[in-house]
């Protein structure tokens, strides 16, 4: 996995193109979920990277990658909604790539992130686009709608949230949403192992940036 830049999802532009995070040099950056290993990119860019993940295996993998890259990343094994060890008003940027898909009580995570962020600082995260969940990308005709957009869950494991539910949860946690992106894949170039032709027709990834308001 390349760790030179923060990545939001498979086969879409990276932070190098989207420029949602700003300069992280000298800033405390909280990564929620470690699978994307964005903390290494933040550390390479001069940030103080802090990563929280509930999986010891993923954290161990991140530690090895950080050692290989010769950068320091502060690691914490914890549920994403339980970050009491992070001081209030101490974080300049919170980032998550696809980790929120597996969180049951995402509104609690929003409230916790709001507590630790400094005033007007952003939470930037990506999740599976809820429209993509309507199709089965392994089917013979994958562009047929297989389920309702409003259905709560398809597999009994991952919560399914509409865009309006995400927006409302952020607003109730006292965030101001200032960016919503549904990136299309590059028209050509190398594809990831997750690539499906359906990516050309239905957005695979939803990206939201929201800034802390209030106290």
N, C-alpha and C. Protein backbone atom coordinates (compact mmCIF):
# COMPACT_ATOMS: atom_id res chain seq x y z
N UNK A 1 0.84 -1.20 0.00
CA UNK A 1 0.00 0.00 0.00
C UNK A 1 0.87 1.25 0.00
N UNK A 2 0.58 2.17 -0.92
CA UNK A 2 1.32 3.43 -0.97
C UNK A 2 0.90 4.31 0.21
N UNK A 3 1.88 4.91 0.86
CA UNK A 3 1.60 5.70 2.06
C UNK A 3 2.11 7.13 1.92
N UNK A 4 2.23 7.60 0.70
CA UNK A 4 2.74 8.94 0.48
C UNK A 4 1.65 10.01 0.56
N UNK A 5 0.39 9.59 0.48
CA UNK A 5 -0.72 10.55 0.46
C UNK A 5 -1.96 9.88 1.04
N UNK A 6 -2.83 10.67 1.65
CA UNK A 6 -4.08 10.13 2.20
C UNK A 6 -5.00 9.71 1.05
N UNK A 7 -5.62 8.57 1.23
CA UNK A 7 -6.50 8.01 0.20
C UNK A 7 -7.91 7.85 0.76
N UNK A 8 -8.88 8.17 -0.09
CA UNK A 8 -10.28 8.18 0.35
C UNK A 8 -11.05 6.93 -0.05
N UNK A 9 -10.53 6.17 -0.99
CA UNK A 9 -11.24 4.99 -1.44
C UNK A 9 -10.64 4.46 -2.72
N UNK A 10 -11.15 3.31 -3.19
CA UNK A 10 -10.57 2.67 -4.37
C UNK A 10 -10.86 3.43 -5.66
N UNK A 11 -9.81 3.63 -6.45
CA UNK A 11 -9.94 4.10 -7.83
C UNK A 11 -10.54 5.49 -7.97
N UNK A 12 -10.32 6.34 -6.97
CA UNK A 12 -10.76 7.73 -7.04
C UNK A 12 -9.57 8.64 -6.72
N UNK A 13 -9.67 9.92 -7.00
CA UNK A 13 -8.56 10.83 -6.70
C UNK A 13 -8.18 10.80 -5.22
N UNK A 14 -6.90 11.02 -4.96
CA UNK A 14 -6.38 11.05 -3.60
C UNK A 14 -6.39 12.48 -3.07
N UNK A 15 -5.89 12.65 -1.86
CA UNK A 15 -5.78 13.99 -1.28
C UNK A 15 -4.89 14.89 -2.14
N UNK A 16 -3.96 14.31 -2.87
CA UNK A 16 -3.10 15.12 -3.74
C UNK A 16 -3.91 15.90 -4.76
N UNK A 17 -5.03 15.31 -5.22
CA UNK A 17 -5.89 15.99 -6.18
C UNK A 17 -7.04 16.74 -5.51
N UNK A 18 -7.61 16.17 -4.47
CA UNK A 18 -8.82 16.75 -3.87
C UNK A 18 -8.51 17.92 -2.94
N UNK A 19 -7.40 17.86 -2.25
CA UNK A 19 -6.95 18.97 -1.39
C UNK A 19 -8.03 19.42 -0.39
N UNK A 20 -8.51 18.47 0.38
CA UNK A 20 -9.54 18.75 1.39
C UNK A 20 -8.96 19.00 2.78
N UNK A 21 -7.72 18.60 3.01
CA UNK A 21 -7.17 18.58 4.36
C UNK A 21 -6.31 19.79 4.70
N UNK A 22 -5.72 20.39 3.70
CA UNK A 22 -4.81 21.50 3.96
C UNK A 22 -3.45 21.01 4.42
N UNK A 23 -2.60 21.94 4.79
CA UNK A 23 -1.25 21.64 5.25
C UNK A 23 -1.30 21.08 6.67
N UNK A 24 -0.73 19.89 6.88
CA UNK A 24 -0.78 19.25 8.20
C UNK A 24 0.51 19.43 8.99
N UNK A 25 1.48 20.11 8.43
CA UNK A 25 2.76 20.28 9.13
C UNK A 25 2.56 20.97 10.47
N UNK A 26 3.08 20.34 11.53
CA UNK A 26 2.98 20.90 12.87
C UNK A 26 1.62 20.73 13.52
N UNK A 27 0.71 20.01 12.88
CA UNK A 27 -0.64 19.85 13.42
C UNK A 27 -0.85 18.46 14.01
N UNK A 28 -1.77 18.39 14.96
CA UNK A 28 -2.17 17.09 15.53
C UNK A 28 -3.33 16.55 14.69
N UNK A 29 -3.09 15.39 14.10
CA UNK A 29 -4.05 14.79 13.18
C UNK A 29 -4.52 13.46 13.75
N UNK A 30 -5.83 13.29 13.88
CA UNK A 30 -6.42 12.06 14.40
C UNK A 30 -6.97 11.24 13.25
N UNK A 31 -6.45 10.02 13.09
CA UNK A 31 -6.97 9.09 12.09
C UNK A 31 -7.86 8.07 12.80
N UNK A 32 -9.09 7.97 12.38
CA UNK A 32 -10.06 7.05 12.97
C UNK A 32 -10.18 5.83 12.07
N UNK A 33 -9.62 4.72 12.52
CA UNK A 33 -9.51 3.53 11.68
C UNK A 33 -8.19 3.56 10.94
N UNK A 34 -7.48 2.44 10.93
CA UNK A 34 -6.10 2.46 10.43
C UNK A 34 -5.90 1.74 9.11
N UNK A 35 -6.95 1.19 8.51
CA UNK A 35 -6.76 0.39 7.31
C UNK A 35 -6.14 1.19 6.17
N UNK A 36 -6.49 2.48 6.06
CA UNK A 36 -5.95 3.30 4.97
C UNK A 36 -4.52 3.75 5.24
N UNK A 37 -4.06 3.65 6.49
CA UNK A 37 -2.70 4.03 6.88
C UNK A 37 -2.35 5.46 6.47
N UNK A 38 -3.34 6.34 6.52
CA UNK A 38 -3.09 7.75 6.18
C UNK A 38 -2.18 8.42 7.19
N UNK A 39 -2.13 7.89 8.41
CA UNK A 39 -1.29 8.49 9.44
C UNK A 39 0.17 8.57 9.01
N UNK A 40 0.61 7.60 8.21
CA UNK A 40 2.00 7.63 7.74
C UNK A 40 2.22 8.82 6.82
N UNK A 41 1.27 9.08 5.94
CA UNK A 41 1.38 10.25 5.07
C UNK A 41 1.39 11.53 5.89
N UNK A 42 0.53 11.59 6.92
CA UNK A 42 0.50 12.79 7.76
C UNK A 42 1.83 13.00 8.48
N UNK A 43 2.40 11.89 8.99
CA UNK A 43 3.68 11.98 9.69
C UNK A 43 4.80 12.40 8.73
N UNK A 44 4.78 11.86 7.52
CA UNK A 44 5.79 12.25 6.53
C UNK A 44 5.72 13.74 6.21
N UNK A 45 4.52 14.29 6.31
CA UNK A 45 4.30 15.71 5.98
C UNK A 45 4.51 16.62 7.19
N UNK A 46 5.01 16.04 8.29
CA UNK A 46 5.35 16.85 9.45
C UNK A 46 4.27 16.98 10.49
N UNK A 47 3.21 16.18 10.36
CA UNK A 47 2.14 16.21 11.35
C UNK A 47 2.40 15.27 12.50
N UNK A 48 1.73 15.53 13.63
CA UNK A 48 1.74 14.59 14.77
C UNK A 48 0.53 13.69 14.58
N UNK A 49 0.77 12.47 14.10
CA UNK A 49 -0.30 11.56 13.72
C UNK A 49 -0.71 10.68 14.89
N UNK A 50 -2.01 10.63 15.15
CA UNK A 50 -2.58 9.79 16.21
C UNK A 50 -3.63 8.90 15.55
N UNK A 51 -3.49 7.59 15.70
CA UNK A 51 -4.43 6.66 15.07
C UNK A 51 -5.14 5.83 16.13
N UNK A 52 -6.46 5.71 15.95
CA UNK A 52 -7.29 4.89 16.83
C UNK A 52 -7.93 3.79 15.99
N UNK A 53 -7.86 2.55 16.47
CA UNK A 53 -8.49 1.43 15.79
C UNK A 53 -8.81 0.37 16.83
N UNK A 54 -9.90 -0.35 16.62
CA UNK A 54 -10.28 -1.40 17.57
C UNK A 54 -9.56 -2.72 17.29
N UNK A 55 -8.87 -2.81 16.16
CA UNK A 55 -8.23 -4.06 15.75
C UNK A 55 -6.74 -4.04 16.07
N UNK A 56 -6.26 -4.91 16.95
CA UNK A 56 -4.82 -4.98 17.22
C UNK A 56 -4.03 -5.42 16.00
N UNK A 57 -4.64 -6.24 15.15
CA UNK A 57 -3.94 -6.70 13.95
C UNK A 57 -3.69 -5.53 12.99
N UNK A 58 -4.71 -4.69 12.78
CA UNK A 58 -4.52 -3.55 11.88
C UNK A 58 -3.50 -2.56 12.45
N UNK A 59 -3.55 -2.37 13.77
CA UNK A 59 -2.58 -1.46 14.40
C UNK A 59 -1.16 -2.00 14.27
N UNK A 60 -1.00 -3.30 14.43
CA UNK A 60 0.33 -3.90 14.29
C UNK A 60 0.85 -3.73 12.86
N UNK A 61 -0.04 -3.87 11.91
CA UNK A 61 0.34 -3.67 10.50
C UNK A 61 0.76 -2.23 10.26
N UNK A 62 0.01 -1.29 10.85
CA UNK A 62 0.36 0.12 10.70
C UNK A 62 1.70 0.41 11.36
N UNK A 63 1.94 -0.17 12.52
CA UNK A 63 3.22 0.05 13.20
C UNK A 63 4.39 -0.43 12.34
N UNK A 64 4.23 -1.59 11.72
CA UNK A 64 5.30 -2.10 10.85
C UNK A 64 5.53 -1.16 9.67
N UNK A 65 4.44 -0.68 9.10
CA UNK A 65 4.56 0.24 7.95
C UNK A 65 5.21 1.55 8.37
N UNK A 66 4.86 2.04 9.56
CA UNK A 66 5.47 3.28 10.06
C UNK A 66 6.96 3.08 10.31
N UNK A 67 7.32 1.92 10.86
CA UNK A 67 8.74 1.63 11.08
C UNK A 67 9.50 1.59 9.76
N UNK A 68 8.88 0.95 8.75
CA UNK A 68 9.52 0.87 7.44
C UNK A 68 9.70 2.26 6.83
N UNK A 69 8.72 3.14 7.08
CA UNK A 69 8.78 4.50 6.54
C UNK A 69 9.61 5.43 7.41
N UNK A 70 10.04 4.92 8.57
CA UNK A 70 10.87 5.69 9.52
C UNK A 70 10.15 6.96 9.99
N UNK A 71 8.88 6.79 10.34
CA UNK A 71 8.11 7.89 10.91
C UNK A 71 7.46 7.41 12.21
N UNK A 72 7.07 8.35 13.04
CA UNK A 72 6.45 8.04 14.32
C UNK A 72 4.95 8.29 14.24
N UNK A 73 4.17 7.29 14.65
CA UNK A 73 2.72 7.41 14.72
C UNK A 73 2.27 6.95 16.10
N UNK A 74 1.45 7.74 16.75
CA UNK A 74 0.91 7.39 18.07
C UNK A 74 -0.30 6.49 17.87
N UNK A 75 -0.27 5.28 18.43
CA UNK A 75 -1.31 4.28 18.20
C UNK A 75 -2.11 4.01 19.47
N UNK A 76 -3.43 3.86 19.30
CA UNK A 76 -4.32 3.54 20.41
C UNK A 76 -5.32 2.48 19.97
N UNK A 77 -5.41 1.40 20.73
CA UNK A 77 -6.41 0.37 20.47
C UNK A 77 -7.68 0.72 21.25
N UNK A 78 -8.73 1.06 20.53
CA UNK A 78 -9.96 1.49 21.18
C UNK A 78 -11.09 1.53 20.16
N UNK A 79 -12.31 1.42 20.65
CA UNK A 79 -13.47 1.66 19.81
C UNK A 79 -13.44 3.11 19.34
N UNK A 80 -13.89 3.36 18.12
CA UNK A 80 -13.82 4.72 17.57
C UNK A 80 -14.71 5.69 18.33
N UNK A 81 -15.71 5.18 19.02
CA UNK A 81 -16.60 6.05 19.80
C UNK A 81 -16.12 6.24 21.23
N UNK A 82 -14.98 5.66 21.56
CA UNK A 82 -14.47 5.74 22.93
C UNK A 82 -13.05 6.31 22.90
N UNK A 83 -12.95 7.63 22.76
CA UNK A 83 -11.63 8.27 22.66
C UNK A 83 -11.45 9.28 23.79
N UNK A 84 -11.86 8.87 24.99
CA UNK A 84 -11.74 9.75 26.16
C UNK A 84 -10.29 10.10 26.46
N UNK A 85 -9.34 9.29 25.99
CA UNK A 85 -7.93 9.54 26.25
C UNK A 85 -7.39 10.71 25.42
N UNK A 86 -8.17 11.18 24.45
CA UNK A 86 -7.76 12.34 23.66
C UNK A 86 -8.32 13.60 24.33
N UNK A 87 -7.46 14.55 24.62
CA UNK A 87 -7.89 15.78 25.30
C UNK A 87 -8.86 16.58 24.45
N UNK A 88 -9.79 17.23 25.11
CA UNK A 88 -10.72 18.12 24.41
C UNK A 88 -9.97 19.27 23.75
N UNK A 89 -10.45 19.68 22.59
CA UNK A 89 -9.89 20.84 21.88
C UNK A 89 -8.39 20.71 21.61
N UNK A 90 -7.94 19.50 21.27
CA UNK A 90 -6.51 19.27 21.07
C UNK A 90 -6.15 18.81 19.66
N UNK A 91 -7.15 18.58 18.81
CA UNK A 91 -6.91 18.02 17.49
C UNK A 91 -7.19 19.07 16.41
N UNK A 92 -6.29 19.15 15.43
CA UNK A 92 -6.44 20.12 14.34
C UNK A 92 -7.15 19.54 13.12
N UNK A 93 -7.15 18.23 12.99
CA UNK A 93 -7.78 17.57 11.85
C UNK A 93 -8.13 16.15 12.23
N UNK A 94 -9.36 15.73 11.92
CA UNK A 94 -9.76 14.33 12.09
C UNK A 94 -10.05 13.75 10.71
N UNK A 95 -9.57 12.53 10.48
CA UNK A 95 -9.67 11.91 9.16
C UNK A 95 -10.09 10.46 9.32
N UNK A 96 -10.94 9.99 8.40
CA UNK A 96 -11.31 8.58 8.40
C UNK A 96 -11.61 8.15 6.97
N UNK A 97 -11.09 7.01 6.59
CA UNK A 97 -11.33 6.46 5.26
C UNK A 97 -12.00 5.10 5.39
N UNK A 98 -13.29 5.06 5.13
CA UNK A 98 -14.10 3.85 5.10
C UNK A 98 -14.27 3.15 6.45
N UNK A 99 -13.71 3.68 7.52
CA UNK A 99 -13.85 3.00 8.82
C UNK A 99 -15.25 3.17 9.40
N UNK A 100 -15.93 4.26 9.06
CA UNK A 100 -17.24 4.52 9.65
C UNK A 100 -18.31 3.55 9.15
N UNK A 101 -18.04 2.85 8.06
CA UNK A 101 -19.01 1.88 7.54
C UNK A 101 -19.35 0.80 8.57
N UNK A 102 -18.39 0.47 9.42
CA UNK A 102 -18.58 -0.63 10.37
C UNK A 102 -18.99 -0.16 11.76
N UNK A 103 -19.24 1.14 11.92
CA UNK A 103 -19.59 1.69 13.23
C UNK A 103 -21.11 1.66 13.43
N UNK A 104 -21.55 1.11 14.54
CA UNK A 104 -22.99 1.04 14.82
C UNK A 104 -23.55 2.40 15.23
N UNK A 105 -22.91 3.05 16.18
CA UNK A 105 -23.41 4.34 16.69
C UNK A 105 -22.51 5.46 16.17
N UNK A 106 -22.72 5.82 14.92
CA UNK A 106 -21.86 6.83 14.31
C UNK A 106 -22.10 8.22 14.90
N UNK A 107 -23.31 8.49 15.34
CA UNK A 107 -23.58 9.80 15.94
C UNK A 107 -22.75 10.01 17.21
N UNK A 108 -22.50 8.93 17.95
CA UNK A 108 -21.64 9.03 19.13
C UNK A 108 -20.21 9.36 18.71
N UNK A 109 -19.76 8.76 17.63
CA UNK A 109 -18.42 9.09 17.12
C UNK A 109 -18.35 10.56 16.75
N UNK A 110 -19.38 11.06 16.07
CA UNK A 110 -19.40 12.48 15.70
C UNK A 110 -19.28 13.36 16.95
N UNK A 111 -19.99 13.00 18.00
CA UNK A 111 -19.95 13.81 19.23
C UNK A 111 -18.56 13.78 19.86
N UNK A 112 -17.93 12.60 19.86
CA UNK A 112 -16.59 12.48 20.43
C UNK A 112 -15.56 13.26 19.62
N UNK A 113 -15.68 13.19 18.31
CA UNK A 113 -14.75 13.92 17.45
C UNK A 113 -14.94 15.42 17.64
N UNK A 114 -16.18 15.85 17.77
CA UNK A 114 -16.45 17.28 18.02
C UNK A 114 -15.78 17.73 19.31
N UNK A 115 -15.79 16.88 20.32
CA UNK A 115 -15.18 17.24 21.61
C UNK A 115 -13.68 17.47 21.48
N UNK A 116 -13.00 16.64 20.69
CA UNK A 116 -11.54 16.71 20.66
C UNK A 116 -11.00 17.71 19.63
N UNK A 117 -11.82 18.09 18.65
CA UNK A 117 -11.36 19.04 17.65
C UNK A 117 -11.28 20.46 18.21
N UNK A 118 -10.35 21.22 17.68
CA UNK A 118 -10.32 22.65 17.97
C UNK A 118 -11.42 23.35 17.17
N UNK A 119 -11.77 24.55 17.62
CA UNK A 119 -12.82 25.33 16.97
C UNK A 119 -12.54 25.51 15.47
N UNK A 120 -13.55 25.24 14.65
CA UNK A 120 -13.55 25.43 13.20
C UNK A 120 -12.63 24.45 12.47
N UNK A 121 -12.06 23.47 13.18
CA UNK A 121 -11.22 22.48 12.52
C UNK A 121 -12.08 21.37 11.92
N UNK A 122 -11.59 20.69 10.86
CA UNK A 122 -12.45 19.78 10.12
C UNK A 122 -12.35 18.30 10.51
N UNK A 123 -13.47 17.63 10.33
CA UNK A 123 -13.54 16.18 10.23
C UNK A 123 -13.77 15.87 8.76
N UNK A 124 -12.88 15.09 8.17
CA UNK A 124 -13.01 14.70 6.76
C UNK A 124 -13.06 13.18 6.71
N UNK A 125 -14.11 12.64 6.12
CA UNK A 125 -14.24 11.18 6.10
C UNK A 125 -14.87 10.70 4.81
N UNK A 126 -14.57 9.45 4.49
CA UNK A 126 -15.20 8.78 3.36
C UNK A 126 -15.89 7.52 3.84
N UNK A 127 -17.00 7.20 3.17
CA UNK A 127 -17.77 5.99 3.46
C UNK A 127 -18.23 5.40 2.13
N UNK A 128 -18.72 4.18 2.18
CA UNK A 128 -19.35 3.60 1.00
C UNK A 128 -20.55 4.44 0.62
N UNK A 129 -20.66 4.78 -0.65
CA UNK A 129 -21.80 5.59 -1.08
C UNK A 129 -23.09 4.79 -0.93
N UNK A 130 -24.11 5.35 -0.28
CA UNK A 130 -25.34 4.58 -0.06
C UNK A 130 -26.03 4.17 -1.36
N UNK A 131 -25.83 4.91 -2.43
CA UNK A 131 -26.44 4.52 -3.71
C UNK A 131 -25.80 3.25 -4.26
N UNK A 132 -24.50 3.07 -3.97
CA UNK A 132 -23.81 1.88 -4.48
C UNK A 132 -24.34 0.61 -3.81
N UNK A 133 -24.85 0.75 -2.60
CA UNK A 133 -25.39 -0.41 -1.89
C UNK A 133 -26.67 -0.93 -2.53
N UNK A 134 -27.26 -0.17 -3.45
CA UNK A 134 -28.49 -0.59 -4.11
C UNK A 134 -28.24 -1.65 -5.17
N UNK A 135 -26.98 -1.79 -5.61
CA UNK A 135 -26.68 -2.72 -6.69
C UNK A 135 -25.81 -3.87 -6.18
N UNK A 136 -25.73 -4.92 -6.99
CA UNK A 136 -24.85 -6.05 -6.70
C UNK A 136 -23.79 -6.09 -7.79
N UNK A 137 -22.60 -5.62 -7.48
CA UNK A 137 -21.58 -5.48 -8.52
C UNK A 137 -20.98 -6.80 -8.98
N UNK A 138 -21.42 -7.91 -8.38
CA UNK A 138 -20.96 -9.22 -8.83
C UNK A 138 -22.01 -9.94 -9.66
N UNK A 139 -23.18 -9.34 -9.84
CA UNK A 139 -24.26 -9.98 -10.57
C UNK A 139 -24.00 -9.94 -12.08
N UNK A 140 -24.74 -10.76 -12.81
CA UNK A 140 -24.59 -10.79 -14.27
C UNK A 140 -24.94 -9.44 -14.88
N UNK A 141 -25.97 -8.80 -14.33
CA UNK A 141 -26.33 -7.45 -14.75
C UNK A 141 -26.24 -6.55 -13.52
N UNK A 142 -25.06 -6.06 -13.18
CA UNK A 142 -24.86 -5.38 -11.90
C UNK A 142 -25.57 -4.05 -11.76
N UNK A 143 -26.02 -3.45 -12.87
CA UNK A 143 -26.64 -2.14 -12.77
C UNK A 143 -28.14 -2.21 -12.48
N UNK A 144 -28.66 -3.41 -12.34
CA UNK A 144 -30.04 -3.55 -11.88
C UNK A 144 -30.12 -3.20 -10.40
N UNK A 145 -31.16 -2.47 -10.02
CA UNK A 145 -31.35 -2.14 -8.61
C UNK A 145 -31.79 -3.39 -7.86
N UNK A 146 -31.04 -3.76 -6.83
CA UNK A 146 -31.31 -5.00 -6.09
C UNK A 146 -32.00 -4.74 -4.75
N UNK A 147 -31.97 -3.51 -4.28
CA UNK A 147 -32.53 -3.21 -2.97
C UNK A 147 -32.92 -1.74 -2.92
N UNK A 148 -33.72 -1.42 -1.93
CA UNK A 148 -34.17 -0.04 -1.75
C UNK A 148 -33.07 0.81 -1.15
N UNK A 149 -33.00 2.05 -1.57
CA UNK A 149 -32.06 3.01 -0.99
C UNK A 149 -32.33 3.19 0.50
N UNK A 150 -33.57 2.98 0.92
CA UNK A 150 -33.96 3.24 2.30
C UNK A 150 -33.87 2.01 3.19
N UNK A 151 -33.48 0.87 2.63
CA UNK A 151 -33.33 -0.34 3.43
C UNK A 151 -32.18 -0.16 4.40
N UNK A 152 -32.38 -0.59 5.64
CA UNK A 152 -31.39 -0.31 6.69
C UNK A 152 -30.10 -1.09 6.52
N UNK A 153 -30.17 -2.36 6.14
CA UNK A 153 -28.96 -3.17 6.07
C UNK A 153 -29.20 -4.33 5.12
N UNK A 154 -28.11 -4.78 4.47
CA UNK A 154 -28.22 -5.91 3.56
C UNK A 154 -27.60 -7.18 4.11
N UNK A 155 -26.63 -7.05 4.99
CA UNK A 155 -25.89 -8.24 5.43
C UNK A 155 -25.93 -8.46 6.94
N UNK A 156 -26.67 -7.63 7.66
CA UNK A 156 -26.76 -7.79 9.10
C UNK A 156 -25.55 -7.32 9.85
N UNK A 157 -24.55 -6.79 9.16
CA UNK A 157 -23.32 -6.35 9.82
C UNK A 157 -23.08 -4.86 9.66
N UNK A 158 -23.09 -4.38 8.43
CA UNK A 158 -22.80 -2.97 8.19
C UNK A 158 -24.07 -2.13 8.23
N UNK A 159 -24.10 -1.08 9.02
CA UNK A 159 -25.23 -0.17 8.98
C UNK A 159 -25.28 0.53 7.62
N UNK A 160 -26.48 0.79 7.15
CA UNK A 160 -26.64 1.52 5.89
C UNK A 160 -27.23 2.88 6.21
N UNK A 161 -26.55 3.95 5.84
CA UNK A 161 -27.01 5.30 6.16
C UNK A 161 -27.17 6.10 4.89
N UNK A 162 -28.27 6.82 4.79
CA UNK A 162 -28.48 7.70 3.66
C UNK A 162 -27.64 8.97 3.84
N UNK A 163 -27.50 9.72 2.77
CA UNK A 163 -26.75 10.98 2.85
C UNK A 163 -27.42 11.93 3.84
N UNK A 164 -28.74 11.97 3.83
CA UNK A 164 -29.44 12.88 4.75
C UNK A 164 -29.23 12.48 6.20
N UNK A 165 -29.13 11.18 6.48
CA UNK A 165 -28.87 10.74 7.86
C UNK A 165 -27.47 11.15 8.31
N UNK A 166 -26.50 11.03 7.43
CA UNK A 166 -25.14 11.47 7.77
C UNK A 166 -25.12 12.98 8.02
N UNK A 167 -25.77 13.73 7.15
CA UNK A 167 -25.81 15.19 7.27
C UNK A 167 -26.48 15.60 8.58
N UNK A 168 -27.62 14.97 8.88
CA UNK A 168 -28.35 15.30 10.10
C UNK A 168 -27.54 14.95 11.35
N UNK A 169 -26.87 13.80 11.34
CA UNK A 169 -26.04 13.41 12.48
C UNK A 169 -24.93 14.41 12.74
N UNK A 170 -24.32 14.91 11.68
CA UNK A 170 -23.26 15.91 11.82
C UNK A 170 -23.81 17.22 12.35
N UNK A 171 -24.94 17.65 11.83
CA UNK A 171 -25.54 18.91 12.28
C UNK A 171 -25.92 18.84 13.75
N UNK A 172 -26.47 17.71 14.18
CA UNK A 172 -26.86 17.56 15.59
C UNK A 172 -25.66 17.52 16.52
N UNK A 173 -24.52 17.08 15.99
CA UNK A 173 -23.29 17.08 16.79
C UNK A 173 -22.59 18.43 16.74
N UNK A 174 -23.22 19.40 16.09
CA UNK A 174 -22.71 20.78 16.01
C UNK A 174 -21.54 20.92 15.05
N UNK A 175 -21.65 20.23 13.90
CA UNK A 175 -20.72 20.42 12.81
C UNK A 175 -21.40 21.23 11.70
N UNK A 176 -20.60 21.94 10.93
CA UNK A 176 -21.07 22.64 9.74
C UNK A 176 -20.48 21.94 8.52
N UNK A 177 -21.33 21.31 7.73
CA UNK A 177 -20.86 20.61 6.53
C UNK A 177 -20.53 21.65 5.45
N UNK A 178 -19.29 21.60 4.94
CA UNK A 178 -18.92 22.56 3.90
C UNK A 178 -18.46 21.91 2.60
N UNK A 179 -18.47 20.56 2.56
CA UNK A 179 -18.09 19.88 1.32
C UNK A 179 -18.66 18.47 1.30
N UNK A 180 -19.31 18.12 0.19
CA UNK A 180 -19.75 16.75 -0.07
C UNK A 180 -19.30 16.40 -1.48
N UNK A 181 -18.55 15.31 -1.61
CA UNK A 181 -18.03 14.89 -2.91
C UNK A 181 -18.45 13.46 -3.22
N UNK A 182 -18.71 13.20 -4.50
CA UNK A 182 -19.00 11.86 -5.01
C UNK A 182 -18.05 11.62 -6.18
N UNK A 183 -16.78 11.35 -5.91
CA UNK A 183 -15.77 11.34 -6.97
C UNK A 183 -16.00 10.23 -8.00
N UNK A 184 -15.78 10.58 -9.24
CA UNK A 184 -15.80 9.59 -10.31
C UNK A 184 -14.39 9.05 -10.49
N UNK A 185 -14.26 7.81 -10.96
CA UNK A 185 -12.92 7.26 -11.17
C UNK A 185 -12.23 7.92 -12.35
N UNK A 186 -10.92 7.84 -12.35
CA UNK A 186 -10.16 8.33 -13.51
C UNK A 186 -10.58 7.53 -14.74
N UNK A 187 -10.65 8.18 -15.91
CA UNK A 187 -11.13 7.47 -17.11
C UNK A 187 -10.23 6.34 -17.55
N UNK A 188 -8.96 6.38 -17.15
CA UNK A 188 -8.02 5.32 -17.53
C UNK A 188 -6.95 5.22 -16.46
N UNK A 189 -6.05 4.27 -16.67
CA UNK A 189 -4.96 4.11 -15.72
C UNK A 189 -5.06 2.80 -14.96
N UNK A 190 -4.09 2.51 -14.11
CA UNK A 190 -4.11 1.26 -13.35
C UNK A 190 -5.29 1.22 -12.39
N UNK A 191 -5.90 0.06 -12.26
CA UNK A 191 -7.06 -0.12 -11.38
C UNK A 191 -6.67 -0.92 -10.15
N UNK A 192 -7.40 -0.69 -9.07
CA UNK A 192 -7.15 -1.44 -7.84
C UNK A 192 -7.75 -2.83 -7.94
N UNK A 193 -7.45 -3.66 -6.97
CA UNK A 193 -8.02 -5.01 -6.94
C UNK A 193 -9.52 -4.97 -6.65
N UNK A 194 -10.03 -3.83 -6.19
CA UNK A 194 -11.46 -3.69 -5.90
C UNK A 194 -12.25 -3.17 -7.08
N UNK A 195 -11.61 -2.92 -8.19
CA UNK A 195 -12.25 -2.28 -9.33
C UNK A 195 -13.40 -3.12 -9.90
N UNK A 196 -14.52 -2.45 -10.17
CA UNK A 196 -15.64 -3.02 -10.93
C UNK A 196 -16.05 -1.99 -11.97
N UNK A 197 -16.54 -2.46 -13.11
CA UNK A 197 -17.00 -1.54 -14.16
C UNK A 197 -18.14 -0.65 -13.66
N UNK A 198 -18.86 -1.11 -12.65
CA UNK A 198 -19.96 -0.32 -12.10
C UNK A 198 -19.48 1.01 -11.52
N UNK A 199 -18.19 1.10 -11.16
CA UNK A 199 -17.66 2.36 -10.62
C UNK A 199 -17.85 3.51 -11.62
N UNK A 200 -17.93 3.16 -12.92
CA UNK A 200 -18.08 4.19 -13.96
C UNK A 200 -19.49 4.80 -13.96
N UNK A 201 -20.45 4.10 -13.37
CA UNK A 201 -21.85 4.50 -13.49
C UNK A 201 -22.49 4.92 -12.17
N UNK A 202 -22.01 4.34 -11.07
CA UNK A 202 -22.58 4.63 -9.75
C UNK A 202 -21.43 5.00 -8.82
N UNK A 203 -21.52 6.12 -8.10
CA UNK A 203 -20.41 6.49 -7.21
C UNK A 203 -20.17 5.44 -6.14
N UNK A 204 -18.92 5.04 -5.98
CA UNK A 204 -18.56 4.03 -4.99
C UNK A 204 -18.30 4.66 -3.63
N UNK A 205 -17.83 5.90 -3.63
CA UNK A 205 -17.37 6.54 -2.40
C UNK A 205 -18.05 7.89 -2.21
N UNK A 206 -18.42 8.16 -0.96
CA UNK A 206 -18.96 9.46 -0.55
C UNK A 206 -17.96 10.10 0.40
N UNK A 207 -17.60 11.35 0.15
CA UNK A 207 -16.66 12.08 1.01
C UNK A 207 -17.35 13.30 1.58
N UNK A 208 -17.21 13.50 2.88
CA UNK A 208 -17.82 14.65 3.55
C UNK A 208 -16.76 15.37 4.38
N UNK A 209 -16.77 16.69 4.30
CA UNK A 209 -15.95 17.51 5.20
C UNK A 209 -16.88 18.39 6.03
N UNK A 210 -16.68 18.35 7.35
CA UNK A 210 -17.51 19.13 8.27
C UNK A 210 -16.62 19.78 9.32
N UNK A 211 -16.93 21.02 9.67
CA UNK A 211 -16.11 21.77 10.62
C UNK A 211 -16.81 21.94 11.96
N UNK A 212 -16.02 21.90 13.01
CA UNK A 212 -16.56 22.05 14.36
C UNK A 212 -17.09 23.46 14.59
N UNK A 213 -18.31 23.53 15.08
CA UNK A 213 -18.88 24.79 15.55
C UNK A 213 -19.21 24.65 17.03
N UNK A 214 -19.42 25.75 17.71
CA UNK A 214 -19.81 25.69 19.12
C UNK A 214 -18.67 25.21 19.99
N UNK A 215 -19.05 24.71 21.18
CA UNK A 215 -18.05 24.26 22.15
C UNK A 215 -18.37 22.84 22.58
